[in-house]
């Protein structure tokens, strides 16, 4: 039996959210055993398109073909059965569970049929008029139902969490493709790259042959990216088809076979990677000729604004994250902190922002110590410092709140927009200014942040911190998930 040329074919796919057209008659195909890069600016519809392929959304119109056959994907379960797995930009893991627990939760296993067993018990009758016998009979029925609940729990624990050989199965898949994983390790103790490993192993164990990776390298180090790409190449040799959504054009040139471009919800073209270059891809994404140079401004270096002296900080496990670190930054400077994941960058940023206790040392802002102060107290003292965390939805923003409400999270108690009822008019104006300045794609300033694309979420976070007019900005991955145009806009703002 001949294998279809294309693992995935999307034909005339259209998806709208209210008045916003996310995808407009998109046509896209993925060949068997290829790595396809999907490029486009933030809000161009890439993730929405893939969410329809993974069953999270359903197209308003259009057709999806899997291995040459028309498919009806109405849920993630449908997508999984068709051999499609998606690793989302924001991982879908339970922090309190181990790696193995997270992987095994979605495994199809024998069903206990609790509902049917309870129904059978309830349908049992006794042919008597003796009230005492009826009472005893009903009491026994209740006991049987309670017993079924305990049997169900025991069954689920045994089959879902304690299934024999699950660690061996996980290790088998890990060794085949070159992953490193400890199945018993809790998610809350893991680095970003380890969490990503769980997500990829999860879809492989579920049987995925087409794997979608949404911004997989956004917060990985160079070494971690090289390791991931080696794994993807091994998967490709096993005839997996891979779709990678990314804004890092150098990575597109390195890992992909073909590149498909989207712009403002529409499919533009597909090119062979070995027949294109970074400049052409950028121009296709933006729709015009784009200057990729960064202008660095010369400034008059001022006295130190922030000084770190002999700073020692512990991580969440109590061991040293950084030990006796010294540096300072003056007005008009941009200081870069480099290092592989887990070397203390996160803890350093949190300590400066007042979110993590200091073991020893000094953190001085304009000569004044800020150690021991809570973030709110730092703001009240008039210290203009903004913090952009690496976890934008977990720490930086409230996903269910609107852009406007997220704009006032740090200031509603301060002088800027404060009144007893909270002045949303000024906050809305600030939100609309950030939307305009950073070209955030959103229906309105009242849209919940969780409904925005990853890049637009990042723009909201960066915009909120910058509009506060700080004299010190502490930022971890400020252009994480941003397209090249938006990244350069942020660089220009930071350079200004």
Protein backbone atom coordinates (compact mmCIF):
# COMPACT_ATOMS: atom_id res chain seq x y z
CA UNK A 1 0.00 0.00 0.00
CA UNK A 2 1.47 3.35 -1.08
CA UNK A 3 2.05 6.00 1.57
CA UNK A 4 0.46 9.41 0.96
CA UNK A 5 2.95 12.12 0.03
CA UNK A 6 1.59 14.49 2.65
CA UNK A 7 1.17 13.70 6.33
CA UNK A 8 -0.99 16.83 6.73
CA UNK A 9 -3.00 18.87 4.23
CA UNK A 10 -5.01 21.92 5.25
CA UNK A 11 -7.36 23.28 2.59
CA UNK A 12 -9.14 26.65 2.74
CA UNK A 13 -9.12 26.74 6.55
CA UNK A 14 -10.97 29.71 8.04
CA UNK A 15 -11.34 30.62 11.71
CA UNK A 16 -12.79 33.75 13.30
CA UNK A 17 -13.14 34.98 16.86
CA UNK A 18 -15.92 37.56 16.86
CA UNK A 19 -14.89 40.17 14.32
CA UNK A 20 -11.26 39.03 14.27
CA UNK A 21 -10.28 36.78 11.36
CA UNK A 22 -7.50 34.57 12.75
CA UNK A 23 -7.16 32.36 9.65
CA UNK A 24 -8.49 33.24 6.22
CA UNK A 25 -8.66 30.41 3.65
CA UNK A 26 -5.29 28.98 4.63
CA UNK A 27 -3.75 26.18 2.53
CA UNK A 28 -0.79 24.33 4.02
CA UNK A 29 0.79 20.91 3.64
CA UNK A 30 3.43 18.90 5.51
CA UNK A 31 5.33 16.11 3.79
CA UNK A 32 5.98 12.74 5.35
CA UNK A 33 9.22 12.79 7.34
CA UNK A 34 10.01 16.48 6.90
CA UNK A 35 10.64 19.34 9.29
CA UNK A 36 8.48 22.29 8.28
CA UNK A 37 9.04 25.71 9.87
CA UNK A 38 5.94 27.89 10.20
CA UNK A 39 6.83 31.58 10.23
CA UNK A 40 4.81 34.73 10.74
CA UNK A 41 4.58 37.83 12.87
CA UNK A 42 2.81 37.73 16.22
CA UNK A 43 -0.91 37.40 15.64
CA UNK A 44 -0.49 36.06 12.11
CA UNK A 45 -2.56 32.97 12.98
CA UNK A 46 0.14 30.30 13.27
CA UNK A 47 -0.82 28.93 16.67
CA UNK A 48 -4.54 29.18 15.92
CA UNK A 49 -4.00 27.10 12.79
CA UNK A 50 -2.08 24.47 14.74
CA UNK A 51 -4.68 24.50 17.52
CA UNK A 52 -7.25 23.42 14.95
CA UNK A 53 -4.98 20.62 13.83
CA UNK A 54 -4.57 19.53 17.47
CA UNK A 55 -8.31 19.66 18.18
CA UNK A 56 -8.41 22.65 20.53
CA UNK A 57 -10.36 24.74 18.00
CA UNK A 58 -12.64 23.67 15.18
CA UNK A 59 -12.43 25.41 11.78
CA UNK A 60 -15.39 27.54 10.70
CA UNK A 61 -14.83 26.13 7.21
CA UNK A 62 -12.25 24.17 5.22
CA UNK A 63 -10.91 20.63 5.20
CA UNK A 64 -8.14 18.73 6.99
CA UNK A 65 -6.56 15.65 5.42
CA UNK A 66 -4.37 13.26 7.42
CA UNK A 67 -2.26 10.86 5.33
CA UNK A 68 -4.49 11.59 2.35
CA UNK A 69 -7.79 10.93 4.14
CA UNK A 70 -10.37 13.55 5.11
CA UNK A 71 -10.41 13.94 8.90
CA UNK A 72 -13.01 15.38 11.27
CA UNK A 73 -11.11 16.77 14.25
CA UNK A 74 -13.43 18.04 16.97
CA UNK A 75 -11.32 17.45 20.08
CA UNK A 76 -7.73 16.81 21.21
CA UNK A 77 -8.70 13.15 21.59
CA UNK A 78 -9.59 13.00 17.87
CA UNK A 79 -6.24 14.56 17.04
CA UNK A 80 -4.39 12.09 19.27
CA UNK A 81 -6.10 9.12 17.60
CA UNK A 82 -4.99 10.49 14.22
CA UNK A 83 -1.35 10.52 15.38
CA UNK A 84 -0.99 14.27 15.95
CA UNK A 85 0.69 15.67 19.05
CA UNK A 86 1.32 19.31 20.00
CA UNK A 87 3.86 20.68 22.46
CA UNK A 88 2.45 24.05 23.45
CA UNK A 89 4.42 27.19 24.17
CA UNK A 90 3.05 27.15 27.72
CA UNK A 91 3.41 23.61 29.00
CA UNK A 92 0.34 21.63 30.09
CA UNK A 93 1.80 19.91 33.15
CA UNK A 94 0.77 19.34 36.78
CA UNK A 95 3.59 20.79 38.88
CA UNK A 96 2.96 18.55 41.91
CA UNK A 97 3.14 15.37 39.82
CA UNK A 98 6.24 13.48 38.69
CA UNK A 99 7.36 13.23 35.07
CA UNK A 100 5.91 9.72 34.82
CA UNK A 101 2.57 10.80 36.32
CA UNK A 102 2.24 13.64 33.81
CA UNK A 103 3.08 11.37 30.88
CA UNK A 104 0.83 8.53 31.98
CA UNK A 105 -2.27 10.62 32.70
CA UNK A 106 -3.31 10.61 29.06
CA UNK A 107 -2.54 6.97 28.32
CA UNK A 108 -5.53 4.93 27.22
CA UNK A 109 -6.03 2.23 29.84
CA UNK A 110 -8.71 -0.29 30.86
CA UNK A 111 -11.92 1.35 32.05
CA UNK A 112 -13.61 0.43 35.31
CA UNK A 113 -17.15 1.41 34.17
CA UNK A 114 -18.07 2.83 37.57
CA UNK A 115 -21.29 4.38 36.28
CA UNK A 116 -22.53 1.04 34.92
CA UNK A 117 -21.66 -0.84 38.11
CA UNK A 118 -23.46 1.69 40.32
CA UNK A 119 -26.47 1.66 37.99
CA UNK A 120 -26.68 -2.14 38.29
CA UNK A 121 -26.63 -1.92 42.08
CA UNK A 122 -29.33 0.78 42.11
CA UNK A 123 -31.55 -1.35 39.87
CA UNK A 124 -31.51 -4.25 42.32
CA UNK A 125 -34.94 -4.80 43.93
CA UNK A 126 -36.34 -6.77 46.90
CA UNK A 127 -39.81 -8.31 46.80
CA UNK A 128 -41.09 -7.75 50.33
CA UNK A 129 -43.38 -5.49 52.31
CA UNK A 130 -41.30 -5.83 55.45
CA UNK A 131 -39.88 -2.34 56.16
CA UNK A 132 -37.07 -3.74 58.27
CA UNK A 133 -35.89 -5.99 55.43
CA UNK A 134 -36.20 -3.10 52.96
CA UNK A 135 -34.08 -0.90 55.24
CA UNK A 136 -31.35 -3.55 55.59
CA UNK A 137 -31.45 -4.21 51.83
CA UNK A 138 -31.04 -0.49 50.98
CA UNK A 139 -28.28 -0.17 53.56
CA UNK A 140 -26.40 -3.02 51.86
CA UNK A 141 -26.93 -1.34 48.46
CA UNK A 142 -25.41 1.90 49.82
CA UNK A 143 -22.46 -0.05 51.21
CA UNK A 144 -21.95 -1.73 47.83
CA UNK A 145 -21.97 1.67 46.06
CA UNK A 146 -19.41 3.07 48.52
CA UNK A 147 -17.34 -0.08 48.00
CA UNK A 148 -17.43 0.47 44.25
CA UNK A 149 -16.02 3.98 44.70
CA UNK A 150 -13.07 2.58 46.68
CA UNK A 151 -12.53 -0.16 44.08
CA UNK A 152 -12.61 2.51 41.37
CA UNK A 153 -9.95 4.60 43.16
CA UNK A 154 -7.76 1.54 43.67
CA UNK A 155 -8.17 0.59 40.01
CA UNK A 156 -7.28 4.09 38.79
CA UNK A 157 -4.23 4.38 41.04
CA UNK A 158 -2.99 0.99 39.90
CA UNK A 159 -3.58 1.56 36.18
CA UNK A 160 -2.91 5.29 35.86
CA UNK A 161 -0.19 6.03 38.40
CA UNK A 162 1.35 2.73 39.47
CA UNK A 163 1.23 0.74 36.22
CA UNK A 164 4.12 -1.71 36.13
CA UNK A 165 6.75 -0.98 33.57
CA UNK A 166 5.75 2.62 32.90
CA UNK A 167 9.18 3.95 33.87
CA UNK A 168 10.79 1.34 31.61
CA UNK A 169 8.57 2.45 28.72
CA UNK A 170 9.46 6.10 29.30
CA UNK A 171 13.18 5.29 29.47
CA UNK A 172 12.90 3.20 26.31
CA UNK A 173 11.48 6.13 24.34
CA UNK A 174 14.01 8.51 25.94
CA UNK A 175 16.98 6.33 24.98
CA UNK A 176 15.69 5.83 21.43
CA UNK A 177 15.69 9.57 20.68
CA UNK A 178 18.39 10.78 23.07
CA UNK A 179 16.33 12.40 25.84
CA UNK A 180 17.56 12.63 29.42
CA UNK A 181 14.77 12.23 31.97
CA UNK A 182 14.20 11.14 35.55
CA UNK A 183 10.63 9.72 35.58
CA UNK A 184 10.29 10.18 39.35
CA UNK A 185 11.32 13.86 39.42
CA UNK A 186 8.60 16.36 40.33
CA UNK A 187 7.76 18.99 37.71
CA UNK A 188 8.17 21.89 40.15
CA UNK A 189 11.84 20.96 40.52
CA UNK A 190 12.50 20.96 36.77
CA UNK A 191 14.17 23.41 34.44
CA UNK A 192 12.28 24.57 31.34
CA UNK A 193 14.16 22.13 29.09
CA UNK A 194 13.19 19.21 31.35
CA UNK A 195 9.52 20.20 31.21
CA UNK A 196 9.74 20.36 27.44
CA UNK A 197 11.25 16.88 27.41
CA UNK A 198 8.19 15.55 29.28
CA UNK A 199 5.84 17.14 26.75
CA UNK A 200 7.68 15.66 23.76
CA UNK A 201 7.97 12.18 25.31
CA UNK A 202 4.29 12.39 26.20
CA UNK A 203 3.15 12.84 22.58
CA UNK A 204 5.58 10.15 21.38
CA UNK A 205 4.23 7.62 23.88
CA UNK A 206 0.71 8.56 22.82
CA UNK A 207 1.72 7.46 19.31
CA UNK A 208 2.11 10.80 17.51
CA UNK A 209 3.65 10.66 14.03
CA UNK A 210 3.11 14.37 13.34
CA UNK A 211 4.51 16.58 16.08
CA UNK A 212 3.87 20.32 16.42
CA UNK A 213 6.33 22.39 18.47
CA UNK A 214 5.21 25.93 19.36
CA UNK A 215 8.21 28.16 20.13
CA UNK A 216 10.27 25.22 21.47
CA UNK A 217 13.53 27.18 21.81
CA UNK A 218 12.13 30.38 23.33
CA UNK A 219 13.94 30.03 26.69
CA UNK A 220 16.49 27.32 25.94
CA UNK A 221 20.25 27.85 26.02
CA UNK A 222 22.41 27.31 22.95
CA UNK A 223 23.49 23.90 24.26
CA UNK A 224 19.89 22.88 24.96
CA UNK A 225 18.83 24.00 21.48
CA UNK A 226 21.58 21.90 19.87
CA UNK A 227 20.43 18.91 21.89
CA UNK A 228 16.78 19.46 20.91
CA UNK A 229 17.68 19.72 17.23
CA UNK A 230 19.64 16.46 17.39
CA UNK A 231 16.55 14.81 18.85
CA UNK A 232 14.34 16.27 16.11
CA UNK A 233 16.69 14.88 13.46
CA UNK A 234 16.47 11.42 15.04
CA UNK A 235 12.68 11.72 15.04
CA UNK A 236 12.79 12.71 11.38
CA UNK A 237 14.81 9.58 10.57
CA UNK A 238 12.01 7.57 12.19
CA UNK A 239 9.68 9.16 9.61
CA UNK A 240 8.01 11.60 11.98
CA UNK A 241 6.73 14.82 10.41
CA UNK A 242 7.55 17.89 12.49
CA UNK A 243 6.07 21.39 12.41
CA UNK A 244 8.11 23.96 14.30
CA UNK A 245 6.74 27.43 15.03
CA UNK A 246 9.55 29.84 15.77
CA UNK A 247 10.70 33.41 15.26
CA UNK A 248 14.41 32.58 15.33
CA UNK A 249 15.37 32.67 11.68
CA UNK A 250 18.87 31.27 12.19
CA UNK A 251 17.27 28.17 13.72
CA UNK A 252 14.83 27.93 10.81
CA UNK A 253 17.76 27.88 8.41
CA UNK A 254 19.51 25.20 10.47
CA UNK A 255 16.75 22.68 11.20
CA UNK A 256 13.96 22.94 8.61
CA UNK A 257 13.50 21.41 5.14
CA UNK A 258 10.85 23.89 4.04
CA UNK A 259 9.43 27.15 5.40
CA UNK A 260 5.78 28.26 5.19
CA UNK A 261 5.00 31.94 5.72
CA UNK A 262 1.82 33.44 7.18
CA UNK A 263 0.89 37.10 7.39
CA UNK A 264 -2.20 38.62 9.04
CA UNK A 265 -4.06 35.33 9.10
CA UNK A 266 -3.32 34.41 5.49
CA UNK A 267 -0.98 31.90 3.91
CA UNK A 268 1.68 33.64 1.80
CA UNK A 269 4.01 30.99 0.37
CA UNK A 270 6.26 28.00 1.07
CA UNK A 271 9.94 27.97 0.16
CA UNK A 272 12.71 25.39 0.34
CA UNK A 273 15.09 26.28 3.15
CA UNK A 274 18.21 25.68 1.04
CA UNK A 275 16.89 28.15 -1.56
CA UNK A 276 16.20 31.11 0.73
CA UNK A 277 17.91 33.36 3.30
CA UNK A 278 17.13 35.29 6.47
CA UNK A 279 16.50 38.58 4.68
CA UNK A 280 14.01 37.05 2.24
CA UNK A 281 12.13 35.27 5.02
CA UNK A 282 11.93 38.49 7.04
CA UNK A 283 10.60 40.44 4.07
CA UNK A 284 7.99 37.74 3.38
CA UNK A 285 6.85 37.78 7.02
CA UNK A 286 6.56 41.55 7.24
CA UNK A 287 5.40 42.20 3.68
CA UNK A 288 8.06 44.79 2.92
CA UNK A 289 11.82 45.30 2.90
CA UNK A 290 13.08 45.22 6.48
CA UNK A 291 16.27 46.68 7.98
CA UNK A 292 17.83 44.10 10.35
CA UNK A 293 20.44 46.42 11.85
CA UNK A 294 20.23 47.58 15.47
CA UNK A 295 21.12 51.19 16.17
CA UNK A 296 23.04 51.65 19.40
CA UNK A 297 22.95 55.13 20.86
CA UNK A 298 25.86 56.78 22.64
CA UNK A 299 24.85 58.12 26.03
CA UNK A 300 26.55 60.06 28.78
CA UNK A 301 27.37 57.40 31.38
CA UNK A 302 25.99 58.44 34.76
CA UNK A 303 26.86 57.27 38.27
CA UNK A 304 25.77 53.74 39.26
CA UNK A 305 22.02 53.35 39.69
CA UNK A 306 22.08 49.75 40.88
CA UNK A 307 24.93 48.14 42.79
CA UNK A 308 25.24 44.47 43.75
CA UNK A 309 27.91 43.66 46.34
CA UNK A 310 28.90 40.17 47.54
CA UNK A 311 25.37 38.97 46.87
CA UNK A 312 24.50 35.39 47.87
CA UNK A 313 21.06 33.91 47.14
CA UNK A 314 19.61 30.43 47.59
CA UNK A 315 17.36 28.65 45.15
CA UNK A 316 14.05 26.97 46.04
CA UNK A 317 15.84 23.85 47.30
CA UNK A 318 18.01 25.84 49.71
CA UNK A 319 21.31 25.50 47.85
CA UNK A 320 23.27 28.48 46.55
CA UNK A 321 21.99 29.89 43.28
CA UNK A 322 24.57 32.68 43.19
CA UNK A 323 27.53 33.17 45.52
CA UNK A 324 29.15 36.55 46.32
CA UNK A 325 28.30 38.19 42.99
CA UNK A 326 29.45 41.77 42.36
CA UNK A 327 28.43 44.16 39.58
CA UNK A 328 26.89 47.57 38.99
CA UNK A 329 24.96 49.29 36.24
CA UNK A 330 25.00 53.00 35.49
CA UNK A 331 22.40 55.22 33.88
CA UNK A 332 22.48 54.85 30.10
CA UNK A 333 23.88 51.30 30.16
CA UNK A 334 22.48 47.93 29.15
CA UNK A 335 24.11 45.14 31.14
CA UNK A 336 23.74 41.59 29.84
CA UNK A 337 23.82 38.56 32.15
CA UNK A 338 24.65 35.34 30.32
CA UNK A 339 24.69 31.72 31.41
CA UNK A 340 23.03 28.38 30.82
CA UNK A 341 19.62 27.71 32.37
CA UNK A 342 19.72 27.18 36.12
CA UNK A 343 22.86 29.21 36.80
CA UNK A 344 21.10 31.75 39.03
CA UNK A 345 19.75 34.31 36.54
CA UNK A 346 16.15 33.77 37.65
CA UNK A 347 17.02 34.02 41.35
CA UNK A 348 19.11 37.15 40.74
CA UNK A 349 16.25 38.90 38.95
CA UNK A 350 13.77 37.93 41.66
CA UNK A 351 16.05 39.14 44.46
CA UNK A 352 16.55 42.54 42.82
CA UNK A 353 12.78 42.86 42.36
CA UNK A 354 12.12 42.02 46.03
CA UNK A 355 10.59 38.63 45.28
CA UNK A 356 13.30 36.44 46.82
CA UNK A 357 15.13 36.74 50.17
CA UNK A 358 18.85 37.51 50.22
CA UNK A 359 21.23 35.34 52.24
CA UNK A 360 23.98 37.95 52.39
CA UNK A 361 25.37 40.92 50.51
CA UNK A 362 23.93 44.22 49.32
CA UNK A 363 21.49 45.47 46.70
CA UNK A 364 21.59 49.27 46.52
CA UNK A 365 19.50 51.53 44.32
CA UNK A 366 20.87 55.07 44.14
CA UNK A 367 22.86 54.30 47.28
CA UNK A 368 19.83 53.08 49.23
CA UNK A 369 19.49 49.44 50.29
CA UNK A 370 16.35 47.70 49.06
CA UNK A 371 17.05 44.32 50.68
CA UNK A 372 14.13 43.07 52.72
CA UNK A 373 11.62 45.38 51.10
CA UNK A 374 8.56 43.92 49.39
CA UNK A 375 7.88 44.99 45.79
CA UNK A 376 5.03 47.22 46.96
CA UNK A 377 7.28 48.92 49.50
CA UNK A 378 9.92 49.49 46.83
CA UNK A 379 7.30 51.22 44.65
CA UNK A 380 6.06 53.34 47.59
CA UNK A 381 9.61 54.53 48.28
CA UNK A 382 9.58 56.00 44.79
CA UNK A 383 12.17 53.67 43.35
CA UNK A 384 11.38 53.41 39.65
CA UNK A 385 12.25 49.80 38.97
CA UNK A 386 10.43 47.43 36.63
CA UNK A 387 10.71 43.65 36.50
CA UNK A 388 9.89 41.53 33.45
CA UNK A 389 9.93 37.86 34.58
CA UNK A 390 10.69 34.87 32.35
CA UNK A 391 7.33 33.27 33.21
CA UNK A 392 5.07 35.89 31.68
CA UNK A 393 1.72 34.21 32.45
CA UNK A 394 2.70 32.60 35.75
CA UNK A 395 4.40 35.63 37.35
CA UNK A 396 4.06 38.60 35.02
CA UNK A 397 0.37 38.78 34.13
CA UNK A 398 -3.06 37.59 35.24
CA UNK A 399 -4.25 35.53 32.24
CA UNK A 400 -8.00 35.88 32.90
CA UNK A 401 -7.89 39.67 33.29
CA UNK A 402 -8.09 42.12 30.41
CA UNK A 403 -5.14 44.06 29.01
CA UNK A 404 -6.48 47.16 30.79
CA UNK A 405 -6.71 45.42 34.18
CA UNK A 406 -3.22 43.95 33.75
CA UNK A 407 -1.91 47.45 33.12
CA UNK A 408 -2.98 48.55 36.62
CA UNK A 409 -1.96 45.46 38.61
CA UNK A 410 1.14 47.16 39.98
CA UNK A 411 -0.21 50.71 40.26
CA UNK A 412 -3.84 50.65 41.39
CA UNK A 413 -2.74 51.30 45.01
CA UNK A 414 -0.26 53.98 44.05
CA UNK A 415 -0.68 57.59 43.09
CA UNK A 416 -0.75 57.18 39.35
CA UNK A 417 -4.28 55.92 38.71
CA UNK A 418 -5.52 55.51 42.27
CA UNK A 419 -8.92 56.50 43.57
CA UNK A 420 -11.29 54.51 45.80
CA UNK A 421 -13.03 53.02 42.75
CA UNK A 422 -9.89 52.57 40.57
CA UNK A 423 -9.68 54.88 37.54
CA UNK A 424 -10.00 52.52 34.58
CA UNK A 425 -10.28 55.38 32.09
CA UNK A 426 -6.61 56.32 32.45
CA UNK A 427 -5.64 52.65 32.59
CA UNK A 428 -7.56 52.00 29.37
CA UNK A 429 -5.81 54.93 27.70
CA UNK A 430 -2.45 53.51 28.80
CA UNK A 431 -3.44 50.06 27.48
CA UNK A 432 -4.51 51.51 24.13
CA UNK A 433 -1.21 53.41 23.86
CA UNK A 434 0.79 50.21 24.48
CA UNK A 435 -1.38 48.36 21.93
CA UNK A 436 -0.66 51.05 19.34
CA UNK A 437 3.04 51.54 20.11
CA UNK A 438 3.87 47.81 20.11
CA UNK A 439 1.36 46.82 17.43
CA UNK A 440 -0.42 44.32 19.69
CA UNK A 441 -2.95 42.25 17.75
CA UNK A 442 -6.14 42.18 19.86
CA UNK A 443 -9.87 42.88 19.39
CA UNK A 444 -9.74 45.52 22.14
CA UNK A 445 -8.06 46.62 25.37
CA UNK A 446 -10.73 44.63 27.24
CA UNK A 447 -9.65 41.29 25.78
CA UNK A 448 -8.41 38.77 28.39
CA UNK A 449 -4.67 38.26 28.07
CA UNK A 450 -5.06 34.46 27.85
CA UNK A 451 -6.78 34.87 24.47
CA UNK A 452 -3.76 36.61 22.91
CA UNK A 453 -0.99 34.88 21.01
CA UNK A 454 2.22 34.23 22.96
CA UNK A 455 4.10 37.09 21.35
CA UNK A 456 1.31 39.57 22.00
CA UNK A 457 1.20 38.48 25.65
CA UNK A 458 4.90 39.31 25.86
CA UNK A 459 4.27 42.74 24.32
CA UNK A 460 1.63 43.51 26.96
CA UNK A 461 4.08 42.61 29.73
CA UNK A 462 7.00 44.58 28.29
CA UNK A 463 4.75 47.52 27.43
CA UNK A 464 3.31 47.72 30.95
CA UNK A 465 6.75 47.82 32.54
CA UNK A 466 8.21 50.35 30.10
CA UNK A 467 5.24 52.74 30.25
CA UNK A 468 5.84 53.09 34.00
CA UNK A 469 8.95 55.12 33.15
CA UNK A 470 11.49 53.16 35.24
CA UNK A 471 15.15 54.12 35.57
CA UNK A 472 16.10 50.46 36.06
CA UNK A 473 14.55 47.60 34.12
CA UNK A 474 15.28 44.03 35.16
CA UNK A 475 14.24 41.76 32.32
CA UNK A 476 14.51 38.03 31.63
CA UNK A 477 14.06 37.15 27.94
CA UNK A 478 12.40 40.46 26.91
CA UNK A 479 11.79 39.30 23.32
CA UNK A 480 10.77 35.73 24.13
CA UNK A 481 8.23 34.59 21.53
CA UNK A 482 8.31 37.86 19.58
CA UNK A 483 8.61 38.04 15.81
CA UNK A 484 11.61 39.80 14.34
CA UNK A 485 9.78 43.09 13.72
CA UNK A 486 8.48 43.24 17.31
CA UNK A 487 11.86 42.16 18.70
CA UNK A 488 13.57 45.05 16.99
CA UNK A 489 10.86 47.42 18.28
CA UNK A 490 11.63 46.26 21.84
CA UNK A 491 15.38 46.63 21.23
CA UNK A 492 14.80 50.19 20.03
CA UNK A 493 12.74 50.98 23.15
CA UNK A 494 15.43 49.54 25.44
CA UNK A 495 18.10 51.45 23.54
CA UNK A 496 16.20 54.76 23.68
